[in-house]
Amino acid sequence: MAITSVWKLLFHPSKGPVNNILYTFFHVSQENLPQWFSGSLCVISMILFSVWKYMGYYMVIYLAGLQGIPGELYEAASLDGAGTWNKFRYITWPQLSSTTFFVVVMLTINCFKIYDIAVMLAGGGSGELTVSATVLVYYIYQKAFIDWDLGYSSAVAMVLFLIVLIVTLIQFRGQARKEA
């Protein structure tokens, strides 16, 4: 994944521009510069990367949703004297509820399958994750193909499936109540 390599270069401990900015402008000493891909910052770095990586995709989905809102609704609201905030609150946001529902469901599912990002960012040269960077899908992989505990890893995979299913069903039920 080329995008992961770019992210690793941006946050490189000694050569990355982020740490360079911290060093140059905020006078953080060289030994106190953050190690973005180890320790407690690893999970934060993976979260920031996921947001950065998928933001464009979901922005295109929202743009498509915005284009699907009829202009007549905004014209009628203008004739009734609605301001910008009221147009957003009573027209745009409710019209984007199905788009928002789709985005939330997709993001929830993507959050549970973050294997490649974890290995590329925090895996180092060996591809093995530290305890602080271990995600559930990597744990399943580790138990199945490194420890050869296939039964246990299958059980954990089923638990992951059930978690995603339950969260998705809750989201569907919430959306159905909202639309009713």
Protein backbone atom coordinates (compact mmCIF):
# COMPACT_ATOMS: atom_id res chain seq x y z
CA MET A 1 0.00 0.00 0.00
CA ALA A 2 1.66 3.14 -1.23
CA ILE A 3 -0.51 5.40 0.91
CA THR A 4 0.78 3.67 4.04
CA SER A 5 4.37 4.32 2.97
CA VAL A 6 3.57 8.01 2.54
CA TRP A 7 2.05 8.10 6.01
CA LYS A 8 5.09 6.38 7.50
CA LEU A 9 7.35 8.94 5.82
CA LEU A 10 5.26 11.84 7.15
CA PHE A 11 5.56 10.56 10.72
CA HIS A 12 9.09 9.13 10.53
CA PRO A 13 10.83 9.71 13.90
CA SER A 14 13.91 11.47 12.53
CA LYS A 15 13.20 12.42 8.90
CA GLY A 16 9.46 13.04 8.87
CA PRO A 17 8.05 16.54 8.44
CA VAL A 18 5.69 16.21 11.43
CA ASN A 19 8.50 15.60 13.89
CA ASN A 20 10.62 18.17 12.05
CA ILE A 21 7.90 20.78 12.64
CA LEU A 22 7.71 19.79 16.31
CA TYR A 23 11.48 20.10 16.59
CA THR A 24 11.87 23.36 14.65
CA PHE A 25 8.85 25.42 15.65
CA PHE A 26 7.85 24.00 19.03
CA HIS A 27 11.41 23.28 20.24
CA VAL A 28 10.70 19.70 21.29
CA SER A 29 14.05 18.10 22.02
CA GLN A 30 15.24 15.30 19.74
CA GLU A 31 14.91 12.63 22.43
CA ASN A 32 11.36 13.77 23.34
CA LEU A 33 9.97 13.61 19.80
CA PRO A 34 7.05 11.18 19.61
CA GLN A 35 7.52 7.67 18.28
CA TRP A 36 4.30 7.54 16.27
CA PHE A 37 4.32 3.81 15.51
CA SER A 38 5.12 2.36 18.91
CA GLY A 39 3.63 2.52 22.37
CA SER A 40 0.41 4.35 23.09
CA LEU A 41 0.68 6.63 20.04
CA CYS A 42 0.44 3.68 17.66
CA VAL A 43 -3.33 3.34 17.97
CA ILE A 44 -3.79 7.11 17.59
CA SER A 45 -1.61 7.04 14.49
CA MET A 46 -3.68 4.20 13.00
CA ILE A 47 -6.90 6.12 13.72
CA LEU A 48 -5.56 9.28 12.09
CA PHE A 49 -4.39 7.26 9.10
CA SER A 50 -7.77 5.60 8.68
CA VAL A 51 -9.54 8.96 8.78
CA TRP A 52 -7.10 10.39 6.24
CA LYS A 53 -7.29 7.37 3.96
CA TYR A 54 -11.07 7.00 3.79
CA MET A 55 -12.08 10.66 4.00
CA GLY A 56 -12.11 11.17 0.24
CA TYR A 57 -14.23 8.09 -0.42
CA TYR A 58 -16.91 9.09 2.05
CA MET A 59 -16.78 12.71 0.90
CA VAL A 60 -17.70 11.56 -2.62
CA ILE A 61 -20.63 9.61 -1.15
CA TYR A 62 -21.80 12.72 0.71
CA LEU A 63 -21.43 14.83 -2.42
CA ALA A 64 -23.64 12.37 -4.29
CA GLY A 65 -26.16 12.59 -1.45
CA LEU A 66 -26.09 16.39 -1.61
CA GLN A 67 -26.72 16.32 -5.35
CA GLY A 68 -29.77 14.15 -4.75
CA ILE A 69 -31.50 16.83 -2.66
CA PRO A 70 -34.10 18.64 -4.80
CA GLY A 71 -33.38 22.34 -5.25
CA GLU A 72 -37.08 23.11 -4.88
CA LEU A 73 -36.83 22.38 -1.17
CA TYR A 74 -34.24 25.13 -0.75
CA GLU A 75 -36.27 27.52 -2.89
CA ALA A 76 -39.39 26.90 -0.81
CA ALA A 77 -37.42 27.39 2.40
CA SER A 78 -36.01 30.68 1.07
CA LEU A 79 -39.52 31.88 0.23
CA ASP A 80 -40.59 31.01 3.77
CA GLY A 81 -37.71 33.12 5.12
CA ALA A 82 -35.43 30.29 6.32
CA GLY A 83 -31.79 31.18 6.89
CA THR A 84 -28.75 29.09 6.10
CA TRP A 85 -28.76 27.29 9.44
CA ASN A 86 -32.47 26.40 9.19
CA LYS A 87 -32.00 25.13 5.63
CA PHE A 88 -29.23 22.88 6.83
CA ARG A 89 -31.11 21.74 9.93
CA TYR A 90 -34.48 21.06 8.34
CA ILE A 91 -33.59 20.17 4.74
CA THR A 92 -29.98 19.10 4.21
CA TRP A 93 -29.41 17.01 7.34
CA PRO A 94 -32.68 15.04 7.17
CA GLN A 95 -32.22 14.44 3.44
CA LEU A 96 -28.72 13.07 4.12
CA SER A 97 -29.86 10.65 6.84
CA SER A 98 -29.77 7.60 4.55
CA THR A 99 -26.34 8.63 3.25
CA THR A 100 -25.10 9.11 6.80
CA PHE A 101 -26.53 5.72 7.77
CA PHE A 102 -24.66 4.03 4.89
CA VAL A 103 -21.41 5.81 5.81
CA VAL A 104 -21.72 4.89 9.49
CA VAL A 105 -22.38 1.22 8.69
CA MET A 106 -19.44 1.05 6.28
CA LEU A 107 -17.11 2.81 8.73
CA THR A 108 -18.16 0.45 11.51
CA ILE A 109 -17.40 -2.59 9.39
CA ASN A 110 -14.09 -1.09 8.21
CA CYS A 111 -13.04 -0.34 11.80
CA PHE A 112 -13.23 -4.01 12.66
CA LYS A 113 -11.09 -5.17 9.73
CA ILE A 114 -8.05 -2.94 10.07
CA TYR A 115 -5.43 -5.65 9.58
CA ASP A 116 -3.38 -4.24 6.70
CA ILE A 117 -3.03 -0.76 8.18
CA ALA A 118 -1.82 -2.15 11.51
CA VAL A 119 0.76 -4.43 9.92
CA MET A 120 2.06 -1.79 7.50
CA LEU A 121 2.29 1.02 10.06
CA ALA A 122 3.29 -0.74 13.27
CA GLY A 123 4.66 -4.03 12.00
CA GLY A 124 8.14 -2.81 11.27
CA GLY A 125 10.31 -4.97 9.04
CA SER A 126 9.14 -8.23 10.58
CA GLY A 127 5.42 -7.62 10.20
CA GLU A 128 4.81 -8.57 13.84
CA LEU A 129 2.81 -6.16 15.95
CA THR A 130 3.53 -5.13 19.50
CA VAL A 131 0.89 -5.70 22.16
CA SER A 132 -0.16 -2.02 22.06
CA ALA A 133 -0.72 -2.17 18.28
CA THR A 134 -2.48 -5.53 18.09
CA VAL A 135 -5.93 -5.35 16.54
CA LEU A 136 -8.55 -8.09 16.61
CA VAL A 137 -8.06 -9.28 13.03
CA TYR A 138 -4.29 -9.50 13.54
CA TYR A 139 -4.92 -11.45 16.75
CA ILE A 140 -7.06 -13.92 14.78
CA TYR A 141 -4.28 -14.25 12.19
CA GLN A 142 -1.64 -14.72 14.88
CA LYS A 143 -3.60 -17.43 16.66
CA ALA A 144 -4.43 -19.25 13.42
CA PHE A 145 -1.21 -19.12 11.41
CA ILE A 146 1.56 -18.46 13.91
CA ASP A 147 0.34 -20.38 16.96
CA TRP A 148 -1.64 -22.90 14.84
CA ASP A 149 -4.58 -22.71 17.24
CA LEU A 150 -7.17 -22.92 14.49
CA GLY A 151 -10.16 -23.73 16.67
CA TYR A 152 -9.60 -20.78 18.99
CA SER A 153 -8.94 -18.40 16.10
CA SER A 154 -12.14 -19.60 14.39
CA ALA A 155 -14.07 -18.93 17.58
CA VAL A 156 -12.61 -15.42 17.85
CA ALA A 157 -13.47 -14.82 14.18
CA MET A 158 -17.06 -15.87 14.88
CA VAL A 159 -17.18 -13.47 17.84
CA LEU A 160 -15.91 -10.71 15.55
CA PHE A 161 -18.61 -11.60 13.02
CA LEU A 162 -21.28 -11.51 15.73
CA ILE A 163 -20.06 -8.15 17.03
CA VAL A 164 -20.19 -6.63 13.55
CA LEU A 165 -23.59 -8.22 12.91
CA ILE A 166 -25.07 -6.96 16.18
CA VAL A 167 -23.71 -3.44 15.71
CA THR A 168 -25.02 -3.37 12.12
CA LEU A 169 -28.46 -4.65 13.19
CA ILE A 170 -28.64 -2.00 15.91
CA GLN A 171 -27.79 0.62 13.31
CA PHE A 172 -30.45 -0.75 10.93
CA ARG A 173 -33.06 -0.77 13.71
CA GLY A 174 -32.18 2.79 14.70
CA GLN A 175 -32.46 3.92 11.08
CA ALA A 176 -35.83 2.17 10.67
CA ARG A 177 -37.20 3.89 13.78
CA LYS A 178 -35.90 7.22 12.57
CA GLU A 179 -37.60 6.87 9.20
CA ALA A 180 -40.89 5.63 10.67
